[in-house]
């Protein structure tokens, strides 16, 4: 979907692979789009690691769990950008624009 919207995507199959991209990719990475619940580490922890490498990075979290359920378990702060799965192309495009515009 992201490529269809014109974004260059660095697909990482694991959080550790995403960290490797953040350390080694020569061009500027502007946004991290990550699931909340993953093997190895959760999305919030992944964002913390990658933000320590690239503090200007924007983050968008997604999950099949509701935002309320995730917040109750302390995985996501109320102020983070979140999109509920499943989502449409229009919904992800709108949410990405919101995140990138700092709204």
C-alpha atoms as a PDB file:
ATOM      1  CA  UNK A   1       0.000   0.000   0.000  1.00  0.00           C
ATOM      2  CA  UNK A   2       2.756   2.439   0.904  1.00  0.00           C
ATOM      3  CA  UNK A   3       4.563   1.938  -2.391  1.00  0.00           C
ATOM      4  CA  UNK A   4       1.255   2.409  -4.189  1.00  0.00           C
ATOM      5  CA  UNK A   5       1.039   5.803  -2.452  1.00  0.00           C
ATOM      6  CA  UNK A   6       4.499   6.735  -3.750  1.00  0.00           C
ATOM      7  CA  UNK A   7       6.574   6.039  -0.634  1.00  0.00           C
ATOM      8  CA  UNK A   8       9.899   4.215  -0.742  1.00  0.00           C
ATOM      9  CA  UNK A   9       9.585   1.260   1.621  1.00  0.00           C
ATOM     10  CA  UNK A  10      12.327  -0.557   3.506  1.00  0.00           C
ATOM     11  CA  UNK A  11      10.489  -3.743   4.460  1.00  0.00           C
ATOM     12  CA  UNK A  12      11.877  -5.298   7.614  1.00  0.00           C
ATOM     13  CA  UNK A  13      10.653  -8.738   8.603  1.00  0.00           C
ATOM     14  CA  UNK A  14      11.841  -8.347  12.220  1.00  0.00           C
ATOM     15  CA  UNK A  15      12.439  -5.461  14.629  1.00  0.00           C
ATOM     16  CA  UNK A  16      16.186  -6.201  14.618  1.00  0.00           C
ATOM     17  CA  UNK A  17      16.231  -5.886  10.836  1.00  0.00           C
ATOM     18  CA  UNK A  18      14.492  -2.491  11.165  1.00  0.00           C
ATOM     19  CA  UNK A  19      17.170  -1.347  13.627  1.00  0.00           C
ATOM     20  CA  UNK A  20      19.841  -2.448  11.154  1.00  0.00           C
ATOM     21  CA  UNK A  21      18.198  -0.352   8.411  1.00  0.00           C
ATOM     22  CA  UNK A  22      18.077   2.639  10.764  1.00  0.00           C
ATOM     23  CA  UNK A  23      21.798   2.329  11.427  1.00  0.00           C
ATOM     24  CA  UNK A  24      22.988   1.551   7.902  1.00  0.00           C
ATOM     25  CA  UNK A  25      20.591   3.147   5.396  1.00  0.00           C
ATOM     26  CA  UNK A  26      22.317   6.166   3.846  1.00  0.00           C
ATOM     27  CA  UNK A  27      19.225   8.160   2.850  1.00  0.00           C
ATOM     28  CA  UNK A  28      16.944   9.893   5.327  1.00  0.00           C
ATOM     29  CA  UNK A  29      14.206   7.721   6.808  1.00  0.00           C
ATOM     30  CA  UNK A  30      11.225   9.938   7.618  1.00  0.00           C
ATOM     31  CA  UNK A  31       8.693   7.598   9.178  1.00  0.00           C
ATOM     32  CA  UNK A  32       8.570   4.265  10.957  1.00  0.00           C
ATOM     33  CA  UNK A  33       5.371   2.316  10.357  1.00  0.00           C
ATOM     34  CA  UNK A  34       5.289  -0.616  12.749  1.00  0.00           C
ATOM     35  CA  UNK A  35       2.972  -3.100  14.310  1.00  0.00           C
ATOM     36  CA  UNK A  36       2.538  -2.841  18.057  1.00  0.00           C
ATOM     37  CA  UNK A  37       2.832  -6.537  18.875  1.00  0.00           C
ATOM     38  CA  UNK A  38       5.766  -8.387  17.295  1.00  0.00           C
ATOM     39  CA  UNK A  39       8.300 -11.066  18.147  1.00  0.00           C
ATOM     40  CA  UNK A  40      11.665  -9.887  19.568  1.00  0.00           C
ATOM     41  CA  UNK A  41      10.313  -6.538  20.846  1.00  0.00           C
ATOM     42  CA  UNK A  42       7.104  -4.540  20.770  1.00  0.00           C
ATOM     43  CA  UNK A  43       6.578  -1.552  18.513  1.00  0.00           C
ATOM     44  CA  UNK A  44       7.033   1.003  21.296  1.00  0.00           C
ATOM     45  CA  UNK A  45      10.442  -0.436  22.199  1.00  0.00           C
ATOM     46  CA  UNK A  46      11.418  -0.570  18.536  1.00  0.00           C
ATOM     47  CA  UNK A  47      10.483   3.089  18.137  1.00  0.00           C
ATOM     48  CA  UNK A  48      12.600   4.025  21.185  1.00  0.00           C
ATOM     49  CA  UNK A  49      15.644   2.269  19.727  1.00  0.00           C
ATOM     50  CA  UNK A  50      15.222   3.783  16.279  1.00  0.00           C
ATOM     51  CA  UNK A  51      14.478   7.253  17.699  1.00  0.00           C
ATOM     52  CA  UNK A  52      17.785   7.073  19.569  1.00  0.00           C
ATOM     53  CA  UNK A  53      19.443   6.658  16.153  1.00  0.00           C
ATOM     54  CA  UNK A  54      17.202   9.108  14.283  1.00  0.00           C
ATOM     55  CA  UNK A  55      15.493  11.551  16.703  1.00  0.00           C
ATOM     56  CA  UNK A  56      13.618  13.343  13.879  1.00  0.00           C
ATOM     57  CA  UNK A  57      11.791  10.171  12.839  1.00  0.00           C
ATOM     58  CA  UNK A  58       7.994  10.161  12.844  1.00  0.00           C
ATOM     59  CA  UNK A  59       6.194   6.995  13.988  1.00  0.00           C
ATOM     60  CA  UNK A  60       2.896   5.370  13.090  1.00  0.00           C
ATOM     61  CA  UNK A  61       1.771   2.307  15.007  1.00  0.00           C
ATOM     62  CA  UNK A  62      -0.779  -0.224  13.797  1.00  0.00           C
ATOM     63  CA  UNK A  63      -2.495  -3.219  15.317  1.00  0.00           C
ATOM     64  CA  UNK A  64      -5.417  -5.556  15.060  1.00  0.00           C
ATOM     65  CA  UNK A  65      -5.985  -4.909  18.760  1.00  0.00           C
ATOM     66  CA  UNK A  66      -7.937  -1.766  19.643  1.00  0.00           C
ATOM     67  CA  UNK A  67      -5.964   1.322  20.648  1.00  0.00           C
ATOM     68  CA  UNK A  68      -7.781   1.293  23.993  1.00  0.00           C
ATOM     69  CA  UNK A  69      -6.791  -2.312  24.724  1.00  0.00           C
ATOM     70  CA  UNK A  70      -3.182  -1.614  23.797  1.00  0.00           C
ATOM     71  CA  UNK A  71      -3.051   1.531  25.955  1.00  0.00           C
ATOM     72  CA  UNK A  72      -4.400  -0.357  28.969  1.00  0.00           C
ATOM     73  CA  UNK A  73      -1.466  -2.737  28.700  1.00  0.00           C
ATOM     74  CA  UNK A  74       0.997   0.160  28.641  1.00  0.00           C
ATOM     75  CA  UNK A  75       2.350  -0.546  25.175  1.00  0.00           C
ATOM     76  CA  UNK A  76       1.286   2.764  23.629  1.00  0.00           C
ATOM     77  CA  UNK A  77       1.059   6.253  25.052  1.00  0.00           C
ATOM     78  CA  UNK A  78      -2.177   8.132  24.335  1.00  0.00           C
ATOM     79  CA  UNK A  79      -0.297  10.731  22.274  1.00  0.00           C
ATOM     80  CA  UNK A  80       1.119   8.359  19.662  1.00  0.00           C
ATOM     81  CA  UNK A  81      -0.216   8.010  16.144  1.00  0.00           C
ATOM     82  CA  UNK A  82      -2.172   4.794  15.714  1.00  0.00           C
ATOM     83  CA  UNK A  83      -4.190   3.144  12.952  1.00  0.00           C
ATOM     84  CA  UNK A  84      -6.470   0.177  13.505  1.00  0.00           C
ATOM     85  CA  UNK A  85      -6.125  -2.883  11.233  1.00  0.00           C
ATOM     86  CA  UNK A  86      -7.573  -3.638   8.835  1.00  0.00           C
ATOM     87  CA  UNK A  87      -7.393  -0.262   7.098  1.00  0.00           C
ATOM     88  CA  UNK A  88      -8.069   0.993   3.590  1.00  0.00           C
ATOM     89  CA  UNK A  89      -5.638   2.681   1.238  1.00  0.00           C
ATOM     90  CA  UNK A  90      -7.454   5.964   1.871  1.00  0.00           C
ATOM     91  CA  UNK A  91      -7.212   5.527   5.657  1.00  0.00           C
ATOM     92  CA  UNK A  92      -3.463   4.839   5.656  1.00  0.00           C
ATOM     93  CA  UNK A  93      -2.845   7.694   3.208  1.00  0.00           C
ATOM     94  CA  UNK A  94      -4.773  10.093   5.449  1.00  0.00           C
ATOM     95  CA  UNK A  95      -3.067   8.887   8.622  1.00  0.00           C
ATOM     96  CA  UNK A  96       0.410   9.130   7.064  1.00  0.00           C
ATOM     97  CA  UNK A  97      -0.306  12.691   5.940  1.00  0.00           C
ATOM     98  CA  UNK A  98      -1.491  13.541   9.473  1.00  0.00           C
ATOM     99  CA  UNK A  99       1.684  12.100  11.024  1.00  0.00           C
ATOM    100  CA  UNK A 100       4.041  13.692   8.519  1.00  0.00           C
ATOM    101  CA  UNK A 101       2.328  17.074   8.873  1.00  0.00           C
ATOM    102  CA  UNK A 102       2.705  16.869  12.648  1.00  0.00           C
ATOM    103  CA  UNK A 103      -0.986  16.964  13.488  1.00  0.00           C
END
